[in-house]
Amino acid sequence: MARIIGGLTSSHIPAVGAAYAKKQFEDPYWKPFFEGYPPVHKWLAEQKPDVAVVFYNDHGLNFFLDKMPTFAIGAAFEYENQDEGWGIPALGKFRGYPELSWRIIDGVVADGFDVCSCQEMAVDHGFSVPVQLFWGDQTKNPIKTIPICVNTVQHPVPTPMRCYRFGQAIGRAISAFPGNEKVVILGTGGMSHQLDGKRAGFINKKFDLMCMEKIVDDPEELAKISTADLIQEAGAQGLEFILWLAMRGCLNGKVKRLHQNYHIPISNTAAGTLLLENAA
């Protein structure tokens, strides 16, 4: 059967994509951020996962406020990254894996989750930036991908617990997929940040670090936080932390933290990187 080998977290803000394109890896401003990734690159090179399941939130490229599904799962043979106006070079197409996508879709529907299945899907920086940070140029080092978009924009949004349970359902579906695929799960976005309103620039380092601790050993308790409290503690866009909880739900009850990095500020956004190895 397919096996989930671990979970990764990463910021996905457009400024990161621009810095990557300009190769600003040694720039004093960006170096503490990019230094969080080589240990993950080493682990990925050793483990050689076949598939990356990527939890992200769409920023108006594929969905907009007039049509915003709570959960949408890509089931295409490939996914195109398009120009969003941020000045980030559009990347090549990402490989899909529709056979596993449909197993996930069937599994979560049987588990009581109603999802939007997408046989065509454009992916924005929320998806492309983390994949590039972990695997680089997809034309040279392609990995099969399954984008899973979660609404963090148009209220009502799914609760933290709902996202955690959604991840658990996806984990069960992947584990029931026949084959020898090694799967890694990505939770993208965050951490605390607010880009507009009276609290623009808000960052809560204490809350971020607490989340990075509890998501490892006590995710069930962490998922009990309400949507309103999450926004209060992490900012309006810090709500993206529900994507981390979905990732964690896919993993087993016990995981091993192999690497962690936290850096602020990046465009008024706190960024956290985690490498979690799934327990047997």
C-alpha atoms as a PDB file:
ATOM      1  CA  MET A   1       0.000   0.000   0.000  1.00  0.00           C
ATOM      2  CA  ALA A   2       1.008   3.653  -0.371  1.00  0.00           C
ATOM      3  CA  ARG A   3       2.845   4.999   2.659  1.00  0.00           C
ATOM      4  CA  ILE A   4       2.918   8.519   4.104  1.00  0.00           C
ATOM      5  CA  ILE A   5       6.520   9.105   5.133  1.00  0.00           C
ATOM      6  CA  GLY A   6       6.267  12.588   6.622  1.00  0.00           C
ATOM      7  CA  GLY A   7       4.940  16.116   6.665  1.00  0.00           C
ATOM      8  CA  LEU A   8       6.501  19.453   5.723  1.00  0.00           C
ATOM      9  CA  THR A   9       5.462  23.037   6.403  1.00  0.00           C
ATOM     10  CA  SER A  10       6.477  26.181   4.575  1.00  0.00           C
ATOM     11  CA  SER A  11       5.516  29.787   3.997  1.00  0.00           C
ATOM     12  CA  HIS A  12       4.127  30.496   0.541  1.00  0.00           C
ATOM     13  CA  ILE A  13       4.153  34.288   0.295  1.00  0.00           C
ATOM     14  CA  PRO A  14       4.887  35.818  -3.134  1.00  0.00           C
ATOM     15  CA  ALA A  15       7.945  37.703  -1.846  1.00  0.00           C
ATOM     16  CA  VAL A  16       9.606  34.327  -1.257  1.00  0.00           C
ATOM     17  CA  GLY A  17       9.017  33.384  -4.897  1.00  0.00           C
ATOM     18  CA  ALA A  18      10.571  36.645  -6.044  1.00  0.00           C
ATOM     19  CA  ALA A  19      13.596  36.191  -3.753  1.00  0.00           C
ATOM     20  CA  TYR A  20      14.030  32.622  -5.029  1.00  0.00           C
ATOM     21  CA  ALA A  21      13.892  33.772  -8.652  1.00  0.00           C
ATOM     22  CA  LYS A  22      16.553  36.405  -7.928  1.00  0.00           C
ATOM     23  CA  LYS A  23      18.691  33.818  -6.071  1.00  0.00           C
ATOM     24  CA  GLN A  24      18.882  35.985  -2.961  1.00  0.00           C
ATOM     25  CA  PHE A  25      19.840  33.012  -0.806  1.00  0.00           C
ATOM     26  CA  GLU A  26      22.785  34.833   0.822  1.00  0.00           C
ATOM     27  CA  ASP A  27      21.077  38.199   1.145  1.00  0.00           C
ATOM     28  CA  PRO A  28      21.147  39.205   4.854  1.00  0.00           C
ATOM     29  CA  TYR A  29      17.388  39.752   4.839  1.00  0.00           C
ATOM     30  CA  TRP A  30      16.577  36.366   3.296  1.00  0.00           C
ATOM     31  CA  LYS A  31      19.404  34.123   4.489  1.00  0.00           C
ATOM     32  CA  PRO A  32      17.787  33.162   7.851  1.00  0.00           C
ATOM     33  CA  PHE A  33      14.716  32.055   5.905  1.00  0.00           C
ATOM     34  CA  PHE A  34      16.451  30.024   3.200  1.00  0.00           C
ATOM     35  CA  GLU A  35      18.752  28.393   5.765  1.00  0.00           C
ATOM     36  CA  GLY A  36      15.703  26.516   7.039  1.00  0.00           C
ATOM     37  CA  TYR A  37      15.479  24.363   3.903  1.00  0.00           C
ATOM     38  CA  PRO A  38      18.777  22.428   3.312  1.00  0.00           C
ATOM     39  CA  PRO A  39      18.034  19.871   6.094  1.00  0.00           C
ATOM     40  CA  VAL A  40      14.701  19.179   4.410  1.00  0.00           C
ATOM     41  CA  HIS A  41      16.394  18.896   1.000  1.00  0.00           C
ATOM     42  CA  LYS A  42      18.773  16.306   2.460  1.00  0.00           C
ATOM     43  CA  TRP A  43      15.898  14.279   3.909  1.00  0.00           C
ATOM     44  CA  LEU A  44      13.968  14.418   0.630  1.00  0.00           C
ATOM     45  CA  ALA A  45      17.042  13.299  -1.308  1.00  0.00           C
ATOM     46  CA  GLU A  46      17.405  10.327   1.039  1.00  0.00           C
ATOM     47  CA  GLN A  47      13.729   9.363   1.180  1.00  0.00           C
ATOM     48  CA  LYS A  48      12.847  10.058  -2.468  1.00  0.00           C
ATOM     49  CA  PRO A  49       9.056  10.485  -2.106  1.00  0.00           C
ATOM     50  CA  ASP A  50       6.981   9.772  -5.209  1.00  0.00           C
ATOM     51  CA  VAL A  51       4.048  12.077  -4.475  1.00  0.00           C
ATOM     52  CA  ALA A  52       3.530  15.393  -2.691  1.00  0.00           C
ATOM     53  CA  VAL A  53       0.041  16.202  -1.403  1.00  0.00           C
ATOM     54  CA  VAL A  54      -0.088  19.976  -0.995  1.00  0.00           C
ATOM     55  CA  PHE A  55      -2.599  21.761   1.238  1.00  0.00           C
ATOM     56  CA  TYR A  56      -2.796  25.404   0.194  1.00  0.00           C
ATOM     57  CA  ASN A  57      -5.284  28.240  -0.192  1.00  0.00           C
ATOM     58  CA  ASP A  58      -6.139  29.833  -3.517  1.00  0.00           C
ATOM     59  CA  HIS A  59      -5.636  33.598  -3.781  1.00  0.00           C
ATOM     60  CA  GLY A  60      -8.043  34.357  -6.626  1.00  0.00           C
ATOM     61  CA  LEU A  61      -6.319  32.529  -9.484  1.00  0.00           C
ATOM     62  CA  ASN A  62      -8.501  29.433  -9.651  1.00  0.00           C
ATOM     63  CA  PHE A  63     -11.405  30.462  -7.382  1.00  0.00           C
ATOM     64  CA  PHE A  64     -12.812  33.838  -6.407  1.00  0.00           C
ATOM     65  CA  LEU A  65     -15.252  35.191  -3.814  1.00  0.00           C
ATOM     66  CA  ASP A  66     -18.270  34.443  -5.999  1.00  0.00           C
ATOM     67  CA  LYS A  67     -17.391  30.718  -6.134  1.00  0.00           C
ATOM     68  CA  MET A  68     -15.266  29.497  -3.226  1.00  0.00           C
ATOM     69  CA  PRO A  69     -15.437  25.780  -2.370  1.00  0.00           C
ATOM     70  CA  THR A  70     -14.603  24.775   1.187  1.00  0.00           C
ATOM     71  CA  PHE A  71     -12.418  21.903  -0.015  1.00  0.00           C
ATOM     72  CA  ALA A  72     -11.241  21.337  -3.597  1.00  0.00           C
ATOM     73  CA  ILE A  73      -9.028  18.451  -4.713  1.00  0.00           C
ATOM     74  CA  GLY A  74      -7.098  18.390  -7.974  1.00  0.00           C
ATOM     75  CA  ALA A  75      -7.589  15.316 -10.118  1.00  0.00           C
ATOM     76  CA  ALA A  76      -5.708  16.397 -13.239  1.00  0.00           C
ATOM     77  CA  PHE A  77      -2.762  14.951 -15.120  1.00  0.00           C
ATOM     78  CA  GLU A  78      -0.950  18.281 -14.751  1.00  0.00           C
ATOM     79  CA  TYR A  79      -1.408  21.688 -13.134  1.00  0.00           C
ATOM     80  CA  GLU A  80      -0.462  25.020 -14.657  1.00  0.00           C
ATOM     81  CA  ASN A  81       1.019  27.897 -12.681  1.00  0.00           C
ATOM     82  CA  GLN A  82      -0.023  31.291 -14.052  1.00  0.00           C
ATOM     83  CA  ASP A  83       1.064  34.898 -13.592  1.00  0.00           C
ATOM     84  CA  GLU A  84      -0.849  36.501 -10.710  1.00  0.00           C
ATOM     85  CA  GLY A  85       0.651  39.969 -11.051  1.00  0.00           C
ATOM     86  CA  TRP A  86       3.222  39.595  -8.256  1.00  0.00           C
ATOM     87  CA  GLY A  87       6.222  39.692 -10.543  1.00  0.00           C
ATOM     88  CA  ILE A  88       7.040  36.036  -9.922  1.00  0.00           C
ATOM     89  CA  PRO A  89       8.097  34.118 -13.042  1.00  0.00           C
ATOM     90  CA  ALA A  90       5.474  31.534 -13.938  1.00  0.00           C
ATOM     91  CA  LEU A  91       6.834  28.030 -13.412  1.00  0.00           C
ATOM     92  CA  GLY A  92       6.449  25.030 -15.666  1.00  0.00           C
ATOM     93  CA  LYS A  93       3.547  22.656 -15.339  1.00  0.00           C
ATOM     94  CA  PHE A  94       3.382  20.392 -12.296  1.00  0.00           C
ATOM     95  CA  ARG A  95       2.797  16.655 -12.716  1.00  0.00           C
ATOM     96  CA  GLY A  96      -0.431  15.278 -11.303  1.00  0.00           C
ATOM     97  CA  TYR A  97      -1.418  11.805 -10.159  1.00  0.00           C
ATOM     98  CA  PRO A  98      -5.146  11.413 -10.912  1.00  0.00           C
ATOM     99  CA  GLU A  99      -5.298   7.773  -9.829  1.00  0.00           C
ATOM    100  CA  LEU A 100      -4.399   8.692  -6.262  1.00  0.00           C
ATOM    101  CA  SER A 101      -6.451  11.896  -6.452  1.00  0.00           C
ATOM    102  CA  TRP A 102      -9.604   9.930  -7.186  1.00  0.00           C
ATOM    103  CA  ARG A 103      -8.867   7.460  -4.406  1.00  0.00           C
ATOM    104  CA  ILE A 104      -8.590  10.417  -2.020  1.00  0.00           C
ATOM    105  CA  ILE A 105     -11.781  12.008  -3.351  1.00  0.00           C
ATOM    106  CA  ASP A 106     -13.741   8.766  -3.051  1.00  0.00           C
ATOM    107  CA  GLY A 107     -12.323   8.158   0.422  1.00  0.00           C
ATOM    108  CA  VAL A 108     -13.127  11.542   1.915  1.00  0.00           C
ATOM    109  CA  VAL A 109     -16.645  11.550   0.442  1.00  0.00           C
ATOM    110  CA  ALA A 110     -17.246   8.135   2.000  1.00  0.00           C
ATOM    111  CA  ASP A 111     -15.986   9.687   5.262  1.00  0.00           C
ATOM    112  CA  GLY A 112     -18.600  12.448   5.094  1.00  0.00           C
ATOM    113  CA  PHE A 113     -16.667  15.309   3.459  1.00  0.00           C
ATOM    114  CA  ASP A 114     -18.224  17.017   0.440  1.00  0.00           C
ATOM    115  CA  VAL A 115     -15.477  18.192  -1.897  1.00  0.00           C
ATOM    116  CA  CYS A 116     -15.112  19.878  -5.261  1.00  0.00           C
ATOM    117  CA  SER A 117     -13.216  17.599  -7.645  1.00  0.00           C
ATOM    118  CA  CYS A 118     -11.169  19.518 -10.235  1.00  0.00           C
ATOM    119  CA  GLN A 119     -10.122  17.815 -13.467  1.00  0.00           C
ATOM    120  CA  GLU A 120      -8.581  21.127 -14.510  1.00  0.00           C
ATOM    121  CA  MET A 121      -6.921  23.363 -11.954  1.00  0.00           C
ATOM    122  CA  ALA A 122      -4.605  26.368 -12.107  1.00  0.00           C
ATOM    123  CA  VAL A 123      -2.291  26.670  -9.103  1.00  0.00           C
ATOM    124  CA  ASP A 124      -1.034  29.941  -7.630  1.00  0.00           C
ATOM    125  CA  HIS A 125       1.889  30.891  -5.395  1.00  0.00           C
ATOM    126  CA  GLY A 126       0.250  29.151  -2.429  1.00  0.00           C
ATOM    127  CA  PHE A 127       1.098  25.866  -4.172  1.00  0.00           C
ATOM    128  CA  SER A 128       4.033  26.686  -6.434  1.00  0.00           C
ATOM    129  CA  VAL A 129       6.294  28.529  -3.961  1.00  0.00           C
ATOM    130  CA  PRO A 130       6.499  25.667  -1.396  1.00  0.00           C
ATOM    131  CA  VAL A 131       6.992  23.029  -4.111  1.00  0.00           C
ATOM    132  CA  GLN A 132       9.809  25.118  -5.576  1.00  0.00           C
ATOM    133  CA  LEU A 133      11.385  25.659  -2.156  1.00  0.00           C
ATOM    134  CA  PHE A 134      11.467  21.921  -1.494  1.00  0.00           C
ATOM    135  CA  TRP A 135      12.163  20.472  -4.952  1.00  0.00           C
ATOM    136  CA  GLY A 136      13.507  23.314  -7.093  1.00  0.00           C
ATOM    137  CA  ASP A 137      13.028  23.336 -10.857  1.00  0.00           C
ATOM    138  CA  GLN A 138      10.238  20.910 -11.729  1.00  0.00           C
ATOM    139  CA  THR A 139      11.528  20.508 -15.280  1.00  0.00           C
ATOM    140  CA  LYS A 140      14.669  18.907 -13.807  1.00  0.00           C
ATOM    141  CA  ASN A 141      13.370  17.249 -10.642  1.00  0.00           C
ATOM    142  CA  PRO A 142       9.669  16.518 -11.125  1.00  0.00           C
ATOM    143  CA  ILE A 143       7.494  15.032  -8.407  1.00  0.00           C
ATOM    144  CA  LYS A 144       3.878  13.986  -8.766  1.00  0.00           C
ATOM    145  CA  THR A 145       1.610  16.428  -6.966  1.00  0.00           C
ATOM    146  CA  ILE A 146      -1.942  16.563  -5.661  1.00  0.00           C
ATOM    147  CA  PRO A 147      -3.145  20.089  -4.844  1.00  0.00           C
ATOM    148  CA  ILE A 148      -5.793  20.328  -2.134  1.00  0.00           C
ATOM    149  CA  CYS A 149      -7.249  23.803  -1.788  1.00  0.00           C
ATOM    150  CA  VAL A 150      -8.875  24.833   1.504  1.00  0.00           C
ATOM    151  CA  ASN A 151     -10.922  28.012   1.833  1.00  0.00           C
ATOM    152  CA  THR A 152      -9.295  30.520   4.177  1.00  0.00           C
ATOM    153  CA  VAL A 153     -10.697  33.605   2.443  1.00  0.00           C
ATOM    154  CA  GLN A 154     -14.487  33.645   2.240  1.00  0.00           C
ATOM    155  CA  HIS A 155     -16.297  33.152   5.537  1.00  0.00           C
ATOM    156  CA  PRO A 156     -17.575  30.823   6.810  1.00  0.00           C
ATOM    157  CA  VAL A 157     -14.300  28.927   6.625  1.00  0.00           C
ATOM    158  CA  PRO A 158     -13.787  25.366   7.898  1.00  0.00           C
ATOM    159  CA  THR A 159     -12.871  25.164  11.563  1.00  0.00           C
ATOM    160  CA  PRO A 160      -9.427  24.021  12.704  1.00  0.00           C
ATOM    161  CA  MET A 161     -10.909  20.739  13.939  1.00  0.00           C
ATOM    162  CA  ARG A 162     -12.753  20.189  10.658  1.00  0.00           C
ATOM    163  CA  CYS A 163      -9.465  20.587   8.772  1.00  0.00           C
ATOM    164  CA  TYR A 164      -7.675  18.230  11.128  1.00  0.00           C
ATOM    165  CA  ARG A 165     -10.408  15.598  10.632  1.00  0.00           C
ATOM    166  CA  PHE A 166     -10.261  16.207   6.872  1.00  0.00           C
ATOM    167  CA  GLY A 167      -6.559  15.428   6.970  1.00  0.00           C
ATOM    168  CA  GLN A 168      -7.235  12.233   8.908  1.00  0.00           C
ATOM    169  CA  ALA A 169      -9.707  11.122   6.231  1.00  0.00           C
ATOM    170  CA  ILE A 170      -7.136  11.834   3.517  1.00  0.00           C
ATOM    171  CA  GLY A 171      -4.505   9.899   5.437  1.00  0.00           C
ATOM    172  CA  ARG A 172      -6.792   6.873   5.573  1.00  0.00           C
ATOM    173  CA  ALA A 173      -7.513   7.129   1.848  1.00  0.00           C
ATOM    174  CA  ILE A 174      -3.811   7.319   0.950  1.00  0.00           C
ATOM    175  CA  SER A 175      -2.957   4.361   3.178  1.00  0.00           C
ATOM    176  CA  ALA A 176      -5.600   2.278   1.360  1.00  0.00           C
ATOM    177  CA  PHE A 177      -4.164   3.038  -2.091  1.00  0.00           C
ATOM    178  CA  PRO A 178      -2.568  -0.070  -3.656  1.00  0.00           C
ATOM    179  CA  GLY A 179       1.034   0.409  -4.673  1.00  0.00           C
ATOM    180  CA  ASN A 180       4.428   1.228  -3.211  1.00  0.00           C
ATOM    181  CA  GLU A 181       4.280   5.010  -3.451  1.00  0.00           C
ATOM    182  CA  LYS A 182       5.957   7.076  -0.781  1.00  0.00           C
ATOM    183  CA  VAL A 183       3.881  10.182  -0.052  1.00  0.00           C
ATOM    184  CA  VAL A 184       4.861  13.406   1.690  1.00  0.00           C
ATOM    185  CA  ILE A 185       2.262  15.921   2.908  1.00  0.00           C
ATOM    186  CA  LEU A 186       2.749  19.700   2.735  1.00  0.00           C
ATOM    187  CA  GLY A 187       0.989  22.215   4.975  1.00  0.00           C
ATOM    188  CA  THR A 188       1.609  25.677   3.554  1.00  0.00           C
ATOM    189  CA  GLY A 189       1.044  29.296   4.538  1.00  0.00           C
ATOM    190  CA  GLY A 190       1.324  31.316   7.718  1.00  0.00           C
ATOM    191  CA  MET A 191       2.321  31.678  10.343  1.00  0.00           C
ATOM    192  CA  SER A 192       0.837  34.704  12.154  1.00  0.00           C
ATOM    193  CA  HIS A 193       0.270  37.688   9.899  1.00  0.00           C
ATOM    194  CA  GLN A 194      -2.294  40.293   8.995  1.00  0.00           C
ATOM    195  CA  LEU A 195      -1.977  42.267   5.792  1.00  0.00           C
ATOM    196  CA  ASP A 196      -4.717  44.860   6.181  1.00  0.00           C
ATOM    197  CA  GLY A 197      -6.902  46.764   8.639  1.00  0.00           C
ATOM    198  CA  LYS A 198      -5.950  48.216  12.007  1.00  0.00           C
ATOM    199  CA  ARG A 199      -3.777  45.206  12.863  1.00  0.00           C
ATOM    200  CA  ALA A 200      -1.765  45.235   9.622  1.00  0.00           C
ATOM    201  CA  GLY A 201       1.728  43.940  10.378  1.00  0.00           C
ATOM    202  CA  PHE A 202       0.533  41.953  13.412  1.00  0.00           C
ATOM    203  CA  ILE A 203       2.797  39.028  14.381  1.00  0.00           C
ATOM    204  CA  ASN A 204       2.449  36.819  17.466  1.00  0.00           C
ATOM    205  CA  LYS A 205       5.741  34.937  17.926  1.00  0.00           C
ATOM    206  CA  LYS A 206       4.690  33.382  21.240  1.00  0.00           C
ATOM    207  CA  PHE A 207       1.566  31.881  19.685  1.00  0.00           C
ATOM    208  CA  ASP A 208       3.466  30.699  16.605  1.00  0.00           C
ATOM    209  CA  LEU A 209       6.068  28.845  18.641  1.00  0.00           C
ATOM    210  CA  MET A 210       3.361  27.281  20.802  1.00  0.00           C
ATOM    211  CA  CYS A 211       1.649  26.001  17.660  1.00  0.00           C
ATOM    212  CA  MET A 212       4.912  24.582  16.322  1.00  0.00           C
ATOM    213  CA  GLU A 213       5.316  22.639  19.551  1.00  0.00           C
ATOM    214  CA  LYS A 214       1.760  21.360  20.009  1.00  0.00           C
ATOM    215  CA  ILE A 215       1.245  20.351  16.389  1.00  0.00           C
ATOM    216  CA  VAL A 216       3.957  17.730  16.883  1.00  0.00           C
ATOM    217  CA  ASP A 217       2.763  15.973  20.043  1.00  0.00           C
ATOM    218  CA  ASP A 218      -0.737  17.276  20.794  1.00  0.00           C
ATOM    219  CA  PRO A 219      -2.463  18.230  17.516  1.00  0.00           C
ATOM    220  CA  GLU A 220      -5.898  17.117  18.717  1.00  0.00           C
ATOM    221  CA  GLU A 221      -5.830  19.666  21.536  1.00  0.00           C
ATOM    222  CA  LEU A 222      -4.464  22.355  19.227  1.00  0.00           C
ATOM    223  CA  ALA A 223      -7.279  21.734  16.745  1.00  0.00           C
ATOM    224  CA  LYS A 224      -9.858  22.600  19.413  1.00  0.00           C
ATOM    225  CA  ILE A 225      -9.116  26.320  19.044  1.00  0.00           C
ATOM    226  CA  SER A 226     -12.034  28.220  17.506  1.00  0.00           C
ATOM    227  CA  THR A 227     -11.793  30.079  14.215  1.00  0.00           C
ATOM    228  CA  ALA A 228     -12.386  33.397  16.000  1.00  0.00           C
ATOM    229  CA  ASP A 229      -9.643  32.711  18.546  1.00  0.00           C
ATOM    230  CA  LEU A 230      -7.232  31.635  15.818  1.00  0.00           C
ATOM    231  CA  ILE A 231      -7.773  34.921  13.982  1.00  0.00           C
ATOM    232  CA  GLN A 232      -7.408  36.879  17.227  1.00  0.00           C
ATOM    233  CA  GLU A 233      -4.122  35.147  18.078  1.00  0.00           C
ATOM    234  CA  ALA A 234      -2.612  34.838  14.594  1.00  0.00           C
ATOM    235  CA  GLY A 235      -4.207  37.593  12.507  1.00  0.00           C
ATOM    236  CA  ALA A 236      -6.693  37.447   9.657  1.00  0.00           C
ATOM    237  CA  GLN A 237      -4.293  35.725   7.275  1.00  0.00           C
ATOM    238  CA  GLY A 238      -2.792  33.652  10.091  1.00  0.00           C
ATOM    239  CA  LEU A 239      -5.946  31.594   9.638  1.00  0.00           C
ATOM    240  CA  GLU A 240      -3.841  29.694   7.097  1.00  0.00           C
ATOM    241  CA  PHE A 241      -2.631  27.612  10.026  1.00  0.00           C
ATOM    242  CA  ILE A 242      -5.637  25.356   9.366  1.00  0.00           C
ATOM    243  CA  LEU A 243      -3.625  24.069   6.384  1.00  0.00           C
ATOM    244  CA  TRP A 244      -0.933  22.885   8.798  1.00  0.00           C
ATOM    245  CA  LEU A 245      -3.574  21.084  10.844  1.00  0.00           C
ATOM    246  CA  ALA A 246      -4.871  19.340   7.724  1.00  0.00           C
ATOM    247  CA  MET A 247      -1.320  18.175   7.006  1.00  0.00           C
ATOM    248  CA  ARG A 248      -0.873  16.942  10.558  1.00  0.00           C
ATOM    249  CA  GLY A 249      -4.144  15.050  10.402  1.00  0.00           C
ATOM    250  CA  CYS A 250      -2.780  12.964   7.530  1.00  0.00           C
ATOM    251  CA  LEU A 251       0.083  11.706   9.682  1.00  0.00           C
ATOM    252  CA  ASN A 252       0.022   9.122  12.449  1.00  0.00           C
ATOM    253  CA  GLY A 253      -0.625   9.983  16.075  1.00  0.00           C
ATOM    254  CA  LYS A 254       3.087   9.980  16.811  1.00  0.00           C
ATOM    255  CA  VAL A 255       5.645  11.727  14.643  1.00  0.00           C
ATOM    256  CA  LYS A 256       9.311  12.624  15.012  1.00  0.00           C
ATOM    257  CA  ARG A 257      10.392  16.234  14.541  1.00  0.00           C
ATOM    258  CA  LEU A 258      13.611  16.163  12.512  1.00  0.00           C
ATOM    259  CA  HIS A 259      13.993  19.876  11.799  1.00  0.00           C
ATOM    260  CA  GLN A 260      12.440  23.239  12.642  1.00  0.00           C
ATOM    261  CA  ASN A 261      13.079  26.824  11.576  1.00  0.00           C
ATOM    262  CA  TYR A 262      11.247  30.046  12.442  1.00  0.00           C
ATOM    263  CA  HIS A 263      12.001  33.497  11.053  1.00  0.00           C
ATOM    264  CA  ILE A 264      10.378  36.934  11.145  1.00  0.00           C
ATOM    265  CA  PRO A 265       9.657  39.298   9.584  1.00  0.00           C
ATOM    266  CA  ILE A 266       9.131  38.373   5.951  1.00  0.00           C
ATOM    267  CA  SER A 267       6.782  40.886   4.369  1.00  0.00           C
ATOM    268  CA  ASN A 268       5.087  41.192   7.765  1.00  0.00           C
ATOM    269  CA  THR A 269       4.646  37.447   7.814  1.00  0.00           C
ATOM    270  CA  ALA A 270       6.071  34.973  10.317  1.00  0.00           C
ATOM    271  CA  ALA A 271       7.398  31.887   8.554  1.00  0.00           C
ATOM    272  CA  GLY A 272       7.794  28.431  10.042  1.00  0.00           C
ATOM    273  CA  THR A 273       9.411  25.351   8.517  1.00  0.00           C
ATOM    274  CA  LEU A 274       8.911  21.894   9.989  1.00  0.00           C
ATOM    275  CA  LEU A 275      10.063  18.432   8.959  1.00  0.00           C
ATOM    276  CA  LEU A 276       8.009  15.715  10.624  1.00  0.00           C
ATOM    277  CA  GLU A 277       8.778  12.058  10.023  1.00  0.00           C
ATOM    278  CA  ASN A 278       5.800   9.753  10.278  1.00  0.00           C
ATOM    279  CA  ALA A 279       5.977   7.054  12.910  1.00  0.00           C
ATOM    280  CA  ALA A 280       5.655   3.460  11.735  1.00  0.00           C
END
